[in-house]
Amino acid sequence: MAYADALAIGWCNAGPRRFIEGLFDTPEPLPERTGTIACFVIAPAFQGQRIATALQGAACDGLRERGFEWAEAYPRAEATGTAESHHGPLAMYHAAGFGIIKNAADGALTVRKRLIPRPL
């Protein structure tokens, strides 16, 4: 949750991928190691102020603290309007170091970022 003067202005749904695995056609081979950033809601008056970026960073921190190796999200390549971009904009994920791992024909993307470095 994001607040301004005790007023809720933003929300991000993030957690273990295994809890939403049924929403996908292809099962994730390592669902216990993958956290998901599923969607954002930002109050209209606060959109464009990097609230989603701050929530995304907090979500990644929280997933890392819970021991998840990967964070995954599902932006749309050509999202137009608030409803289609509720997963967050692709540019925000690229700026945070996420890379595209799947590109569906309908424009849905899967992006992923390693949260815990590989052991040397």
C-alpha atoms as a PDB file:
ATOM      1  CA  MET A   1       0.000   0.000   0.000  1.00  0.00           C
ATOM      2  CA  ALA A   2       1.055   3.569  -0.648  1.00  0.00           C
ATOM      3  CA  TYR A   3      -0.259   6.389   1.521  1.00  0.00           C
ATOM      4  CA  ALA A   4      -0.288  10.191   1.438  1.00  0.00           C
ATOM      5  CA  ASP A   5      -1.319  11.772   4.729  1.00  0.00           C
ATOM      6  CA  ALA A   6      -3.037   8.541   5.892  1.00  0.00           C
ATOM      7  CA  LEU A   7      -4.991   8.355   2.605  1.00  0.00           C
ATOM      8  CA  ALA A   8      -4.481   5.162   0.571  1.00  0.00           C
ATOM      9  CA  ILE A   9      -3.292   6.262  -2.872  1.00  0.00           C
ATOM     10  CA  GLY A  10      -1.829   3.075  -4.316  1.00  0.00           C
ATOM     11  CA  TRP A  11      -1.823  -0.691  -4.044  1.00  0.00           C
ATOM     12  CA  CYS A  12       0.282  -3.498  -5.472  1.00  0.00           C
ATOM     13  CA  ASN A  13      -0.628  -7.190  -5.458  1.00  0.00           C
ATOM     14  CA  ALA A  14       2.548  -9.239  -5.033  1.00  0.00           C
ATOM     15  CA  GLY A  15       3.198 -12.651  -3.558  1.00  0.00           C
ATOM     16  CA  PRO A  16       4.099 -16.269  -4.287  1.00  0.00           C
ATOM     17  CA  ARG A  17       3.461 -17.335  -7.888  1.00  0.00           C
ATOM     18  CA  ARG A  18       2.126 -20.678  -6.717  1.00  0.00           C
ATOM     19  CA  PHE A  19      -0.995 -18.919  -5.438  1.00  0.00           C
ATOM     20  CA  ILE A  20      -1.937 -17.810  -8.958  1.00  0.00           C
ATOM     21  CA  GLU A  21      -0.499 -20.731 -10.932  1.00  0.00           C
ATOM     22  CA  GLY A  22      -3.986 -21.726 -12.134  1.00  0.00           C
ATOM     23  CA  LEU A  23      -4.166 -18.523 -14.161  1.00  0.00           C
ATOM     24  CA  PHE A  24      -1.445 -19.681 -16.539  1.00  0.00           C
ATOM     25  CA  ASP A  25      -1.474 -22.177 -19.412  1.00  0.00           C
ATOM     26  CA  THR A  26       2.090 -23.277 -18.784  1.00  0.00           C
ATOM     27  CA  PRO A  27       3.100 -24.307 -15.276  1.00  0.00           C
ATOM     28  CA  GLU A  28       6.137 -22.609 -13.770  1.00  0.00           C
ATOM     29  CA  PRO A  29       8.854 -25.206 -13.167  1.00  0.00           C
ATOM     30  CA  LEU A  30      10.029 -23.512  -9.945  1.00  0.00           C
ATOM     31  CA  PRO A  31       6.922 -21.860  -8.442  1.00  0.00           C
ATOM     32  CA  GLU A  32       8.326 -22.028  -4.911  1.00  0.00           C
ATOM     33  CA  ARG A  33      11.241 -19.797  -5.976  1.00  0.00           C
ATOM     34  CA  THR A  34       9.247 -17.272  -8.023  1.00  0.00           C
ATOM     35  CA  GLY A  35       7.320 -14.319  -6.652  1.00  0.00           C
ATOM     36  CA  THR A  36       4.759 -12.471  -8.732  1.00  0.00           C
ATOM     37  CA  ILE A  37       3.928  -8.814  -9.105  1.00  0.00           C
ATOM     38  CA  ALA A  38       0.413  -9.133 -10.473  1.00  0.00           C
ATOM     39  CA  CYS A  39      -1.148  -5.668 -10.601  1.00  0.00           C
ATOM     40  CA  PHE A  40      -1.198  -2.049  -9.455  1.00  0.00           C
ATOM     41  CA  VAL A  41      -3.934   0.436  -8.654  1.00  0.00           C
ATOM     42  CA  ILE A  42      -2.922   4.082  -8.308  1.00  0.00           C
ATOM     43  CA  ALA A  43      -5.451   6.811  -7.480  1.00  0.00           C
ATOM     44  CA  PRO A  44      -5.956   9.008 -10.560  1.00  0.00           C
ATOM     45  CA  ALA A  45      -4.739  12.181  -8.817  1.00  0.00           C
ATOM     46  CA  PHE A  46      -1.428  10.446  -8.032  1.00  0.00           C
ATOM     47  CA  GLN A  47      -0.736   8.749 -11.367  1.00  0.00           C
ATOM     48  CA  GLY A  48       2.483   9.780 -13.098  1.00  0.00           C
ATOM     49  CA  GLN A  49       4.261  10.428  -9.790  1.00  0.00           C
ATOM     50  CA  ARG A  50       6.279   7.173  -9.727  1.00  0.00           C
ATOM     51  CA  ILE A  51       4.030   5.592  -7.069  1.00  0.00           C
ATOM     52  CA  ALA A  52       3.901   2.315  -9.040  1.00  0.00           C
ATOM     53  CA  THR A  53       7.704   2.385  -9.332  1.00  0.00           C
ATOM     54  CA  ALA A  54       8.026   2.742  -5.564  1.00  0.00           C
ATOM     55  CA  LEU A  55       5.514  -0.069  -4.995  1.00  0.00           C
ATOM     56  CA  GLN A  56       7.341  -2.287  -7.479  1.00  0.00           C
ATOM     57  CA  GLY A  57      10.618  -1.715  -5.638  1.00  0.00           C
ATOM     58  CA  ALA A  58       8.972  -2.481  -2.298  1.00  0.00           C
ATOM     59  CA  ALA A  59       7.401  -5.618  -3.781  1.00  0.00           C
ATOM     60  CA  CYS A  60      10.799  -6.854  -5.016  1.00  0.00           C
ATOM     61  CA  ASP A  61      12.347  -6.112  -1.613  1.00  0.00           C
ATOM     62  CA  GLY A  62       9.560  -7.996   0.136  1.00  0.00           C
ATOM     63  CA  LEU A  63       9.818 -10.988  -2.182  1.00  0.00           C
ATOM     64  CA  ARG A  64      13.609 -11.077  -1.715  1.00  0.00           C
ATOM     65  CA  GLU A  65      13.218 -10.907   2.078  1.00  0.00           C
ATOM     66  CA  ARG A  66      10.841 -13.871   1.886  1.00  0.00           C
ATOM     67  CA  GLY A  67      13.510 -15.866   0.035  1.00  0.00           C
ATOM     68  CA  PHE A  68      12.197 -15.734  -3.520  1.00  0.00           C
ATOM     69  CA  GLU A  69      14.929 -16.027  -6.145  1.00  0.00           C
ATOM     70  CA  TRP A  70      12.909 -14.432  -8.956  1.00  0.00           C
ATOM     71  CA  ALA A  71      10.269 -11.730  -9.384  1.00  0.00           C
ATOM     72  CA  GLU A  72       7.945 -12.084 -12.336  1.00  0.00           C
ATOM     73  CA  ALA A  73       5.351  -9.687 -13.797  1.00  0.00           C
ATOM     74  CA  TYR A  74       3.001  -9.552 -16.766  1.00  0.00           C
ATOM     75  CA  PRO A  75       2.858  -6.154 -18.518  1.00  0.00           C
ATOM     76  CA  ARG A  76       1.227  -5.745 -21.914  1.00  0.00           C
ATOM     77  CA  ALA A  77       3.442  -4.587 -24.774  1.00  0.00           C
ATOM     78  CA  GLU A  78       0.888  -2.204 -26.282  1.00  0.00           C
ATOM     79  CA  ALA A  79      -1.248  -1.310 -23.257  1.00  0.00           C
ATOM     80  CA  THR A  80      -3.592   1.612 -23.793  1.00  0.00           C
ATOM     81  CA  GLY A  81      -5.449   3.114 -20.890  1.00  0.00           C
ATOM     82  CA  THR A  82      -5.492   2.367 -17.196  1.00  0.00           C
ATOM     83  CA  ALA A  83      -7.391  -0.935 -17.421  1.00  0.00           C
ATOM     84  CA  GLU A  84      -4.938  -2.547 -19.868  1.00  0.00           C
ATOM     85  CA  SER A  85      -1.894  -1.281 -17.989  1.00  0.00           C
ATOM     86  CA  HIS A  86      -2.928  -2.484 -14.523  1.00  0.00           C
ATOM     87  CA  HIS A  87       0.059  -4.853 -14.555  1.00  0.00           C
ATOM     88  CA  GLY A  88       2.380  -1.843 -14.767  1.00  0.00           C
ATOM     89  CA  PRO A  89       4.151  -0.372 -17.793  1.00  0.00           C
ATOM     90  CA  LEU A  90       6.862  -2.367 -19.543  1.00  0.00           C
ATOM     91  CA  ALA A  91       9.260   0.610 -19.341  1.00  0.00           C
ATOM     92  CA  MET A  92       9.022   0.548 -15.535  1.00  0.00           C
ATOM     93  CA  TYR A  93      10.067  -3.106 -15.469  1.00  0.00           C
ATOM     94  CA  HIS A  94      12.911  -2.566 -17.948  1.00  0.00           C
ATOM     95  CA  ALA A  95      14.216   0.325 -15.833  1.00  0.00           C
ATOM     96  CA  ALA A  96      14.239  -1.975 -12.782  1.00  0.00           C
ATOM     97  CA  GLY A  97      16.258  -4.675 -14.547  1.00  0.00           C
ATOM     98  CA  PHE A  98      13.478  -7.050 -15.608  1.00  0.00           C
ATOM     99  CA  GLY A  99      13.937  -8.865 -18.914  1.00  0.00           C
ATOM    100  CA  ILE A 100      11.309 -10.332 -21.217  1.00  0.00           C
ATOM    101  CA  ILE A 101      11.177 -14.130 -21.017  1.00  0.00           C
ATOM    102  CA  LYS A 102       7.897 -14.711 -22.877  1.00  0.00           C
ATOM    103  CA  ASN A 103       6.043 -12.750 -25.530  1.00  0.00           C
ATOM    104  CA  ALA A 104       2.534 -14.018 -26.302  1.00  0.00           C
ATOM    105  CA  ALA A 105       0.810 -13.359 -29.612  1.00  0.00           C
ATOM    106  CA  ASP A 106      -1.872 -11.247 -27.890  1.00  0.00           C
ATOM    107  CA  GLY A 107       0.732  -8.768 -26.568  1.00  0.00           C
ATOM    108  CA  ALA A 108       0.943 -10.210 -23.080  1.00  0.00           C
ATOM    109  CA  LEU A 109       4.513 -10.392 -21.814  1.00  0.00           C
ATOM    110  CA  THR A 110       6.214 -12.176 -18.971  1.00  0.00           C
ATOM    111  CA  VAL A 111       9.152 -10.296 -17.494  1.00  0.00           C
ATOM    112  CA  ARG A 112      11.491 -11.630 -14.829  1.00  0.00           C
ATOM    113  CA  LYS A 113      14.255 -10.334 -12.584  1.00  0.00           C
ATOM    114  CA  ARG A 114      16.674 -12.261 -10.397  1.00  0.00           C
ATOM    115  CA  LEU A 115      16.339 -11.105  -6.794  1.00  0.00           C
ATOM    116  CA  ILE A 116      18.991 -13.248  -5.138  1.00  0.00           C
ATOM    117  CA  PRO A 117      22.414 -13.486  -6.813  1.00  0.00           C
ATOM    118  CA  ARG A 118      23.656 -16.882  -7.881  1.00  0.00           C
ATOM    119  CA  PRO A 119      26.260 -18.346  -5.547  1.00  0.00           C
ATOM    120  CA  LEU A 120      29.818 -18.169  -6.900  1.00  0.00           C
END
